[in-house]
């Protein structure tokens, strides 16, 4: 499909540009906990952190009273994030300035993966950690990483490797927010699809933390621009993807430039056999964390609707009109189908963005940034968007095309129900998908039920499962609209 050469800021009804298709305006309600990405990180000067003061806090001040905390998130959470040992972030002897950043992110207490991971990572030991999507893996490695940055040293001290450009932008933004009181931690995101010259100029200045996709950072290392011979820590987020055939050769190459006494941290929800080979070769007596008794996600209710290919758009329209969607992500199996479906959704009168790997990076950045900030209710995408992307307001995931394997399915539905909150996953199943549905159910030891005529809003709508600290009442019994034959 031909694309417009010049990006337009905001496009009107039914005109596609930058992955942003506009139907009638239906504003998205901003939920507590939705990270507000104020900066768009595509431009090089915006990828660095801006040092901020700690507001002149002196010894003896009640520093917690001076924090600018986000609204408290009272939504109900599942045991994936509540079954903790009862630790506090203060228990880890972290710098006060880092604690300030943690609390201002709205992170009140460590989740189970953070409790297990933070003290071990602070000790300098290698880690192989397996935990569910949306349970706090980012904080589990970014907190110890930022704590160990020495501002007196002006070289790259830590690299965070991620498989997608969007995840790199998200992780660098979180790093900048966490470290904003640390007094000068310099964070840089570098990915393919952006101007290499800009990255070279940026690396001529001080950079402490690099968040990168493998191909781009390896290019910068080989050019002698990114000097990593003194880098003490490398994190691999979504490690199973980074150790797949697409990336493993690049990762091995990058590690060859690191010092022998570096620390390597691997985090993922799934670990294929290839990880074992990599671990025995590159990790030194790694500490293993496994918080995955079962693969599926507790907070996500899963349904399927049995349809023909021709009925899919009609079924989707029915779901849109009868579900209470805050934000939704809709998955297709090809880039062509993503654009066609986004156009159909817009024609039905719903606001819709789309994103896939064949779009120009500038457009991808804008779509990701705007969707994350709640400027649109629906996003159609390929599996590009399954890895680690954390948008708290997404409460419904729809598999317009059913995935081929259990791992992809798990990562897709994990875009809703973030950090132990509840979410809904709906799968449109054709006769060709029946075998895959059964296989995925068996492998994940889960039950994907036929879609009922009425879906209880307390299963996926925040205000119906919020926990009011002053009340024990349950609003989950509110009336729901009938979903009919959807």
Protein backbone atom coordinates (compact mmCIF):
# COMPACT_ATOMS: atom_id res chain seq x y z
CA UNK A 1 0.00 0.00 0.00
CA UNK A 2 1.40 3.38 -0.96
CA UNK A 3 2.26 5.67 1.95
CA UNK A 4 2.28 9.44 2.10
CA UNK A 5 5.80 10.82 1.90
CA UNK A 6 5.32 13.64 4.40
CA UNK A 7 3.92 13.08 7.89
CA UNK A 8 0.83 15.13 8.69
CA UNK A 9 0.13 16.14 12.30
CA UNK A 10 -3.46 14.98 12.84
CA UNK A 11 -5.57 13.64 10.01
CA UNK A 12 -9.31 14.04 9.59
CA UNK A 13 -12.04 11.49 9.04
CA UNK A 14 -11.11 8.41 7.01
CA UNK A 15 -7.74 9.75 5.82
CA UNK A 16 -4.84 7.41 6.70
CA UNK A 17 -1.47 8.86 7.66
CA UNK A 18 1.22 7.83 10.13
CA UNK A 19 -0.93 4.88 11.25
CA UNK A 20 -3.51 7.32 12.61
CA UNK A 21 -7.01 6.86 11.24
CA UNK A 22 -9.67 9.10 12.69
CA UNK A 23 -13.32 8.24 13.06
CA UNK A 24 -15.79 10.15 15.20
CA UNK A 25 -14.18 11.53 18.34
CA UNK A 26 -14.58 9.22 21.30
CA UNK A 27 -12.18 10.42 24.00
CA UNK A 28 -10.37 7.81 26.05
CA UNK A 29 -10.79 8.03 29.79
CA UNK A 30 -7.35 8.30 31.36
CA UNK A 31 -6.96 5.73 34.12
CA UNK A 32 -4.78 6.05 37.17
CA UNK A 33 -1.55 4.29 36.48
CA UNK A 34 -1.40 5.16 32.77
CA UNK A 35 2.13 6.41 32.29
CA UNK A 36 2.02 9.82 30.68
CA UNK A 37 4.79 9.96 28.14
CA UNK A 38 5.28 13.69 27.88
CA UNK A 39 8.33 13.59 25.64
CA UNK A 40 8.29 11.92 22.24
CA UNK A 41 11.64 10.21 22.16
CA UNK A 42 12.24 10.05 18.43
CA UNK A 43 14.43 13.14 18.22
CA UNK A 44 18.00 12.69 19.49
CA UNK A 45 17.96 15.66 21.83
CA UNK A 46 14.84 14.24 23.52
CA UNK A 47 16.37 10.85 24.21
CA UNK A 48 18.55 12.08 27.02
CA UNK A 49 17.61 12.69 30.60
CA UNK A 50 17.45 16.23 31.92
CA UNK A 51 19.10 16.46 35.32
CA UNK A 52 16.76 17.77 37.95
CA UNK A 53 17.46 18.77 41.50
CA UNK A 54 16.04 17.01 44.54
CA UNK A 55 14.35 20.28 45.49
CA UNK A 56 17.04 21.09 48.04
CA UNK A 57 16.02 18.35 50.49
CA UNK A 58 18.23 18.41 53.57
CA UNK A 59 18.97 15.79 56.22
CA UNK A 60 16.05 15.53 58.63
CA UNK A 61 13.41 16.74 56.14
CA UNK A 62 10.31 14.58 55.68
CA UNK A 63 11.17 14.03 52.02
CA UNK A 64 8.14 11.84 51.29
CA UNK A 65 5.78 14.76 51.92
CA UNK A 66 7.47 16.70 49.11
CA UNK A 67 6.91 14.02 46.47
CA UNK A 68 4.61 14.65 43.51
CA UNK A 69 2.73 11.36 43.61
CA UNK A 70 0.33 10.24 40.87
CA UNK A 71 -3.30 9.46 41.83
CA UNK A 72 -3.55 6.26 43.89
CA UNK A 73 -4.54 3.22 41.83
CA UNK A 74 -7.32 1.42 43.73
CA UNK A 75 -8.07 -1.19 41.08
CA UNK A 76 -8.15 -4.76 42.30
CA UNK A 77 -4.94 -6.71 41.68
CA UNK A 78 -4.33 -10.46 41.25
CA UNK A 79 -1.95 -12.54 43.35
CA UNK A 80 0.69 -12.28 40.58
CA UNK A 81 1.66 -8.92 42.08
CA UNK A 82 0.17 -9.07 45.58
CA UNK A 83 1.73 -12.32 46.88
CA UNK A 84 4.78 -10.58 48.30
CA UNK A 85 7.01 -11.07 51.32
CA UNK A 86 5.97 -7.63 52.53
CA UNK A 87 9.23 -5.85 51.69
CA UNK A 88 9.47 -2.10 51.12
CA UNK A 89 11.66 -0.34 48.56
CA UNK A 90 13.47 1.33 51.48
CA UNK A 91 14.63 -2.12 52.65
CA UNK A 92 17.18 -2.33 49.79
CA UNK A 93 19.35 0.61 50.97
CA UNK A 94 18.68 2.54 47.76
CA UNK A 95 19.67 6.17 47.30
CA UNK A 96 16.97 8.52 48.55
CA UNK A 97 16.90 10.28 45.15
CA UNK A 98 16.16 6.95 43.42
CA UNK A 99 13.42 6.19 45.96
CA UNK A 100 11.87 9.55 45.12
CA UNK A 101 11.72 8.58 41.44
CA UNK A 102 10.26 5.15 42.30
CA UNK A 103 7.45 6.60 44.42
CA UNK A 104 6.70 9.34 41.90
CA UNK A 105 6.18 6.59 39.31
CA UNK A 106 3.34 5.36 41.54
CA UNK A 107 5.25 2.23 42.56
CA UNK A 108 4.33 1.82 46.21
CA UNK A 109 5.80 -1.58 47.15
CA UNK A 110 7.94 -4.17 45.34
CA UNK A 111 6.12 -6.87 43.36
CA UNK A 112 7.22 -10.53 43.78
CA UNK A 113 9.70 -10.38 40.85
CA UNK A 114 11.14 -7.14 42.23
CA UNK A 115 11.52 -8.64 45.72
CA UNK A 116 13.37 -11.64 44.29
CA UNK A 117 15.47 -9.73 41.79
CA UNK A 118 16.53 -6.36 43.23
CA UNK A 119 18.81 -7.54 46.10
CA UNK A 120 20.50 -10.18 43.89
CA UNK A 121 21.07 -7.70 41.04
CA UNK A 122 22.51 -5.18 43.52
CA UNK A 123 25.03 -7.82 44.63
CA UNK A 124 26.41 -8.01 41.09
CA UNK A 125 25.35 -11.59 40.38
CA UNK A 126 24.05 -12.84 37.01
CA UNK A 127 20.29 -13.53 36.95
CA UNK A 128 17.96 -15.71 34.88
CA UNK A 129 14.45 -14.54 35.81
CA UNK A 130 11.14 -15.84 34.58
CA UNK A 131 7.98 -13.98 35.51
CA UNK A 132 4.64 -13.21 33.93
CA UNK A 133 3.92 -10.31 31.62
CA UNK A 134 2.99 -7.14 33.44
CA UNK A 135 4.26 -8.09 36.91
CA UNK A 136 7.04 -5.52 37.24
CA UNK A 137 10.05 -6.99 35.43
CA UNK A 138 11.14 -3.52 34.22
CA UNK A 139 11.48 -2.22 37.77
CA UNK A 140 13.19 -5.46 38.80
CA UNK A 141 16.22 -4.58 36.68
CA UNK A 142 16.03 -0.79 36.21
CA UNK A 143 16.07 -0.05 39.95
CA UNK A 144 19.34 -1.93 40.69
CA UNK A 145 20.82 -0.74 37.39
CA UNK A 146 20.24 2.93 38.23
CA UNK A 147 21.36 2.45 41.84
CA UNK A 148 24.74 1.18 40.64
CA UNK A 149 25.43 4.04 38.19
CA UNK A 150 28.50 6.01 39.29
CA UNK A 151 28.13 9.63 38.15
CA UNK A 152 31.88 10.20 38.58
CA UNK A 153 32.52 7.87 35.64
CA UNK A 154 31.74 9.21 32.18
CA UNK A 155 31.54 5.94 30.21
CA UNK A 156 28.64 3.61 29.30
CA UNK A 157 28.00 1.63 32.49
CA UNK A 158 24.87 -0.34 31.53
CA UNK A 159 23.14 -1.56 28.37
CA UNK A 160 19.49 -2.62 28.24
CA UNK A 161 18.84 -4.80 25.19
CA UNK A 162 15.27 -5.06 23.85
CA UNK A 163 13.87 -6.65 20.66
CA UNK A 164 11.70 -3.76 19.38
CA UNK A 165 12.10 -0.03 18.83
CA UNK A 166 8.90 0.81 20.72
CA UNK A 167 10.07 -1.11 23.78
CA UNK A 168 13.41 0.73 23.66
CA UNK A 169 11.61 4.10 23.73
CA UNK A 170 9.38 2.95 26.58
CA UNK A 171 12.27 1.61 28.69
CA UNK A 172 14.37 4.74 28.18
CA UNK A 173 11.41 6.90 29.21
CA UNK A 174 10.90 4.87 32.40
CA UNK A 175 14.65 5.07 33.13
CA UNK A 176 14.56 8.87 32.72
CA UNK A 177 11.55 9.17 35.02
CA UNK A 178 13.05 6.89 37.69
CA UNK A 179 16.39 8.70 37.66
CA UNK A 180 15.14 12.29 37.44
CA UNK A 181 16.28 13.12 41.00
CA UNK A 182 19.64 11.34 40.75
CA UNK A 183 21.39 14.48 39.55
CA UNK A 184 22.63 13.73 36.08
CA UNK A 185 22.19 10.10 34.99
CA UNK A 186 22.34 10.26 31.19
CA UNK A 187 20.05 7.78 29.41
CA UNK A 188 20.05 7.27 25.66
CA UNK A 189 17.78 5.19 23.42
CA UNK A 190 19.26 4.00 20.14
CA UNK A 191 17.36 1.90 17.62
CA UNK A 192 17.27 1.09 13.95
CA UNK A 193 15.18 3.36 11.76
CA UNK A 194 16.62 6.56 13.25
CA UNK A 195 19.45 8.79 12.09
CA UNK A 196 22.78 7.09 12.85
CA UNK A 197 24.63 10.42 12.72
CA UNK A 198 22.46 11.78 15.55
CA UNK A 199 23.41 8.79 17.73
CA UNK A 200 27.10 9.25 16.93
CA UNK A 201 26.92 12.91 17.98
CA UNK A 202 25.04 11.97 21.15
CA UNK A 203 27.68 9.38 22.11
CA UNK A 204 30.33 12.05 21.80
CA UNK A 205 28.82 13.40 25.04
CA UNK A 206 28.46 11.57 28.36
CA UNK A 207 26.08 8.56 28.33
CA UNK A 208 25.70 6.26 31.35
CA UNK A 209 22.84 3.99 30.22
CA UNK A 210 22.06 2.86 26.68
CA UNK A 211 18.69 1.27 25.85
CA UNK A 212 19.05 -0.35 22.45
CA UNK A 213 17.94 -2.80 19.83
CA UNK A 214 20.75 -5.26 18.97
CA UNK A 215 21.54 -4.27 15.38
CA UNK A 216 21.97 -0.55 16.07
CA UNK A 217 24.12 -0.85 19.22
CA UNK A 218 26.36 -3.44 17.52
CA UNK A 219 26.82 -1.05 14.59
CA UNK A 220 27.84 1.75 16.98
CA UNK A 221 30.20 -0.57 18.90
CA UNK A 222 31.93 -1.75 15.70
CA UNK A 223 32.34 1.84 14.53
CA UNK A 224 34.16 2.54 17.81
CA UNK A 225 31.53 5.13 18.78
CA UNK A 226 29.84 3.18 21.61
CA UNK A 227 32.69 2.12 23.88
CA UNK A 228 31.53 -0.77 26.05
CA UNK A 229 34.85 -2.16 27.30
CA UNK A 230 34.02 -0.84 30.80
CA UNK A 231 30.29 -1.61 30.77
CA UNK A 232 29.52 -3.47 33.98
CA UNK A 233 25.91 -4.57 33.35
CA UNK A 234 23.90 -5.87 30.40
CA UNK A 235 20.17 -6.55 30.73
CA UNK A 236 18.26 -8.61 28.17
CA UNK A 237 14.54 -7.85 28.39
CA UNK A 238 12.24 -10.25 26.51
CA UNK A 239 15.29 -12.51 26.51
CA UNK A 240 13.58 -15.39 24.72
CA UNK A 241 13.06 -13.16 21.66
CA UNK A 242 16.62 -11.80 21.86
CA UNK A 243 17.95 -15.36 21.87
CA UNK A 244 15.85 -16.42 18.88
CA UNK A 245 17.44 -16.91 15.46
CA UNK A 246 16.62 -13.28 14.56
CA UNK A 247 18.98 -11.85 17.18
CA UNK A 248 21.21 -14.44 18.88
CA UNK A 249 24.23 -13.93 16.56
CA UNK A 250 24.08 -10.16 17.19
CA UNK A 251 23.84 -10.69 20.96
CA UNK A 252 26.86 -13.02 20.97
CA UNK A 253 28.80 -10.42 18.99
CA UNK A 254 27.88 -7.62 21.42
CA UNK A 255 28.92 -9.70 24.44
CA UNK A 256 32.35 -10.30 22.87
CA UNK A 257 33.06 -6.55 23.27
CA UNK A 258 32.10 -6.46 26.97
CA UNK A 259 34.61 -6.99 29.79
CA UNK A 260 34.90 -10.52 31.21
CA UNK A 261 33.63 -9.54 34.67
CA UNK A 262 30.37 -7.97 33.44
CA UNK A 263 26.95 -8.81 34.94
CA UNK A 264 24.23 -10.24 32.65
CA UNK A 265 20.55 -10.23 33.62
CA UNK A 266 17.97 -12.16 31.57
CA UNK A 267 14.23 -11.48 31.99
CA UNK A 268 11.30 -13.04 30.16
CA UNK A 269 7.93 -14.75 30.56
CA UNK A 270 8.98 -17.75 28.45
CA UNK A 271 12.38 -19.42 28.08
CA UNK A 272 12.97 -21.86 25.22
CA UNK A 273 15.74 -24.50 25.33
CA UNK A 274 18.13 -22.15 23.47
CA UNK A 275 18.42 -20.10 26.66
CA UNK A 276 20.11 -23.00 28.47
CA UNK A 277 22.91 -23.13 25.91
CA UNK A 278 23.43 -19.36 26.08
CA UNK A 279 23.34 -19.39 29.88
CA UNK A 280 26.02 -22.08 30.23
CA UNK A 281 28.27 -20.19 27.81
CA UNK A 282 27.94 -16.59 29.04
CA UNK A 283 26.51 -16.50 32.58
CA UNK A 284 28.55 -17.21 35.71
CA UNK A 285 26.64 -19.18 38.36
CA UNK A 286 23.39 -17.33 37.59
CA UNK A 287 20.74 -16.91 40.24
CA UNK A 288 17.56 -18.46 38.83
CA UNK A 289 14.14 -16.97 39.60
CA UNK A 290 11.00 -18.73 38.42
CA UNK A 291 7.65 -17.19 39.32
CA UNK A 292 5.75 -19.11 36.64
CA UNK A 293 3.85 -22.02 38.17
CA UNK A 294 1.61 -21.84 35.11
CA UNK A 295 1.99 -19.89 31.88
CA UNK A 296 -1.38 -18.18 31.58
CA UNK A 297 -2.35 -14.89 33.20
CA UNK A 298 -4.65 -14.96 36.22
CA UNK A 299 -6.32 -11.60 35.70
CA UNK A 300 -7.34 -12.09 32.06
CA UNK A 301 -10.68 -13.65 31.13
CA UNK A 302 -10.42 -15.42 27.76
CA UNK A 303 -13.27 -16.05 25.31
CA UNK A 304 -13.60 -17.16 21.70
CA UNK A 305 -16.27 -16.32 19.14
CA UNK A 306 -16.73 -18.89 16.37
CA UNK A 307 -17.10 -17.00 13.05
CA UNK A 308 -16.41 -17.25 9.33
CA UNK A 309 -13.77 -14.97 7.83
CA UNK A 310 -16.51 -12.80 6.30
CA UNK A 311 -18.24 -12.35 9.67
CA UNK A 312 -15.17 -11.05 11.50
CA UNK A 313 -15.66 -7.32 10.87
CA UNK A 314 -19.36 -7.54 11.81
CA UNK A 315 -18.44 -9.40 15.01
CA UNK A 316 -15.81 -6.78 15.84
CA UNK A 317 -18.39 -4.02 15.32
CA UNK A 318 -20.74 -5.81 17.74
CA UNK A 319 -17.99 -6.06 20.35
CA UNK A 320 -17.14 -2.36 20.00
CA UNK A 321 -20.76 -1.33 20.48
CA UNK A 322 -21.43 -3.54 23.51
CA UNK A 323 -18.20 -3.84 25.46
CA UNK A 324 -17.00 -1.08 27.77
CA UNK A 325 -13.60 -0.56 26.18
CA UNK A 326 -11.18 1.91 27.72
CA UNK A 327 -8.47 1.12 25.18
CA UNK A 328 -8.14 -1.97 23.00
CA UNK A 329 -5.35 -3.61 21.00
CA UNK A 330 -6.44 -5.70 18.00
CA UNK A 331 -3.98 -8.19 16.50
CA UNK A 332 -3.73 -9.31 12.86
CA UNK A 333 -1.27 -11.83 11.39
CA UNK A 334 0.05 -9.64 8.55
CA UNK A 335 0.90 -6.00 7.90
CA UNK A 336 -1.50 -5.86 4.94
CA UNK A 337 -4.42 -7.05 7.08
CA UNK A 338 -3.53 -4.48 9.76
CA UNK A 339 -3.98 -1.56 7.34
CA UNK A 340 -7.13 -3.02 5.77
CA UNK A 341 -8.75 -3.64 9.16
CA UNK A 342 -7.81 -0.19 10.49
CA UNK A 343 -9.52 1.33 7.44
CA UNK A 344 -12.66 -0.79 8.03
CA UNK A 345 -12.82 0.23 11.71
CA UNK A 346 -12.58 3.89 10.73
CA UNK A 347 -15.38 3.43 8.19
CA UNK A 348 -17.52 2.00 11.01
CA UNK A 349 -17.06 5.31 12.82
CA UNK A 350 -14.50 4.37 15.48
CA UNK A 351 -11.25 6.17 16.17
CA UNK A 352 -8.35 3.89 15.24
CA UNK A 353 -4.55 3.89 14.91
CA UNK A 354 -2.41 1.16 13.36
CA UNK A 355 1.24 0.16 13.65
CA UNK A 356 3.48 -2.43 12.00
CA UNK A 357 7.15 -3.02 11.21
CA UNK A 358 7.02 -1.78 7.61
CA UNK A 359 6.05 1.76 8.61
CA UNK A 360 8.65 4.52 8.78
CA UNK A 361 10.10 4.77 12.29
CA UNK A 362 8.95 8.39 12.65
CA UNK A 363 5.32 7.27 12.12
CA UNK A 364 5.71 4.31 14.49
CA UNK A 365 7.06 6.58 17.23
CA UNK A 366 4.15 9.00 16.83
CA UNK A 367 1.48 6.28 16.89
CA UNK A 368 3.00 4.59 19.94
CA UNK A 369 3.37 7.92 21.78
CA UNK A 370 -0.17 9.12 20.99
CA UNK A 371 -1.88 5.80 21.75
CA UNK A 372 0.01 5.52 25.03
CA UNK A 373 -1.15 9.01 25.95
CA UNK A 374 -4.77 8.02 25.36
CA UNK A 375 -5.42 10.03 22.17
CA UNK A 376 -7.15 7.07 20.53
CA UNK A 377 -9.27 4.17 21.78
CA UNK A 378 -8.25 1.37 19.39
CA UNK A 379 -4.92 0.19 17.95
CA UNK A 380 -4.57 -2.44 15.22
CA UNK A 381 -1.15 -4.06 15.02
CA UNK A 382 1.00 -7.08 14.20
CA UNK A 383 3.05 -9.06 16.73
CA UNK A 384 5.50 -6.14 16.70
CA UNK A 385 3.43 -4.85 19.62
CA UNK A 386 3.38 -8.00 21.77
CA UNK A 387 6.71 -7.54 23.51
CA UNK A 388 6.73 -5.78 26.86
CA UNK A 389 4.65 -2.82 25.77
CA UNK A 390 3.03 -1.48 28.92
CA UNK A 391 -0.11 0.62 28.42
CA UNK A 392 -2.07 0.52 31.66
CA UNK A 393 -5.34 1.74 30.11
CA UNK A 394 -5.68 -1.26 27.76
CA UNK A 395 -8.42 -3.48 29.19
CA UNK A 396 -9.42 -5.45 26.05
CA UNK A 397 -7.26 -7.43 23.60
CA UNK A 398 -8.88 -8.89 20.47
CA UNK A 399 -7.21 -11.50 18.31
CA UNK A 400 -8.87 -10.64 14.98
CA UNK A 401 -6.54 -13.29 13.53
CA UNK A 402 -5.77 -16.15 15.92
CA UNK A 403 -2.03 -16.73 16.48
CA UNK A 404 -0.22 -19.90 15.44
CA UNK A 405 1.51 -20.76 18.73
CA UNK A 406 1.06 -20.55 22.50
CA UNK A 407 3.98 -18.20 23.11
CA UNK A 408 2.60 -15.55 20.74
CA UNK A 409 -0.87 -15.95 22.24
CA UNK A 410 0.49 -15.48 25.76
CA UNK A 411 2.38 -12.31 24.85
CA UNK A 412 -0.59 -10.88 22.94
CA UNK A 413 -3.18 -11.28 25.68
CA UNK A 414 -0.60 -10.00 28.17
CA UNK A 415 -1.09 -6.49 26.76
CA UNK A 416 -4.20 -6.26 28.93
CA UNK A 417 -4.35 -6.95 32.65
CA UNK A 418 -1.06 -5.16 33.27
CA UNK A 419 0.47 -5.31 36.76
CA UNK A 420 -2.12 -7.67 38.18
CA UNK A 421 -5.18 -5.76 36.98
CA UNK A 422 -8.05 -7.45 35.21
CA UNK A 423 -8.52 -7.64 31.47
CA UNK A 424 -10.43 -9.33 28.67
CA UNK A 425 -9.09 -11.34 25.71
CA UNK A 426 -11.46 -12.19 22.85
CA UNK A 427 -10.44 -14.50 20.00
CA UNK A 428 -12.22 -14.62 16.64
CA UNK A 429 -11.96 -18.27 15.60
CA UNK A 430 -12.60 -19.70 12.13
CA UNK A 431 -12.77 -23.40 11.25
CA UNK A 432 -9.06 -23.22 10.31
CA UNK A 433 -8.17 -22.09 13.85
CA UNK A 434 -9.88 -24.93 15.78
CA UNK A 435 -6.79 -27.10 16.01
CA UNK A 436 -4.58 -24.18 17.13
CA UNK A 437 -7.14 -23.19 19.77
CA UNK A 438 -7.13 -26.67 21.29
CA UNK A 439 -3.32 -26.91 21.13
CA UNK A 440 -2.82 -23.55 22.83
CA UNK A 441 -5.36 -24.41 25.55
CA UNK A 442 -3.50 -27.67 26.24
CA UNK A 443 -0.03 -26.10 26.24
CA UNK A 444 -1.01 -23.22 28.51
CA UNK A 445 -3.26 -25.42 30.66
CA UNK A 446 -6.00 -22.82 30.34
CA UNK A 447 -9.63 -22.67 29.36
CA UNK A 448 -10.72 -20.37 26.53
CA UNK A 449 -14.50 -20.35 26.83
CA UNK A 450 -17.18 -19.62 24.21
CA UNK A 451 -18.23 -15.98 24.46
CA UNK A 452 -21.38 -15.62 26.60
CA UNK A 453 -24.39 -13.49 25.72
CA UNK A 454 -23.43 -11.16 28.57
CA UNK A 455 -19.93 -10.37 29.87
CA UNK A 456 -19.72 -9.24 33.49
CA UNK A 457 -18.09 -5.80 33.58
CA UNK A 458 -16.37 -6.62 36.86
CA UNK A 459 -14.11 -8.94 34.82
CA UNK A 460 -12.46 -6.12 32.89
CA UNK A 461 -13.76 -2.60 33.67
CA UNK A 462 -11.71 -0.72 36.27
CA UNK A 463 -14.51 1.07 38.10
CA UNK A 464 -16.35 -2.24 38.58
CA UNK A 465 -13.40 -3.90 40.31
CA UNK A 466 -11.80 -0.98 42.13
CA UNK A 467 -10.97 -1.50 45.76
CA UNK A 468 -12.29 1.33 47.92
CA UNK A 469 -10.28 1.33 51.15
CA UNK A 470 -13.28 2.81 53.00
CA UNK A 471 -15.94 0.45 51.67
CA UNK A 472 -16.44 -3.30 51.40
CA UNK A 473 -19.30 -3.01 48.91
CA UNK A 474 -19.11 -4.72 45.52
CA UNK A 475 -20.37 -2.99 42.41
CA UNK A 476 -19.69 -5.99 40.19
CA UNK A 477 -23.38 -6.80 39.93
CA UNK A 478 -24.23 -3.80 37.80
CA UNK A 479 -26.33 -4.48 34.73
CA UNK A 480 -24.46 -5.39 31.56
CA UNK A 481 -25.47 -4.94 27.96
CA UNK A 482 -26.33 -8.12 26.12
CA UNK A 483 -23.64 -9.23 23.66
CA UNK A 484 -26.15 -11.23 21.67
CA UNK A 485 -24.55 -13.37 18.96
CA UNK A 486 -21.16 -11.65 19.14
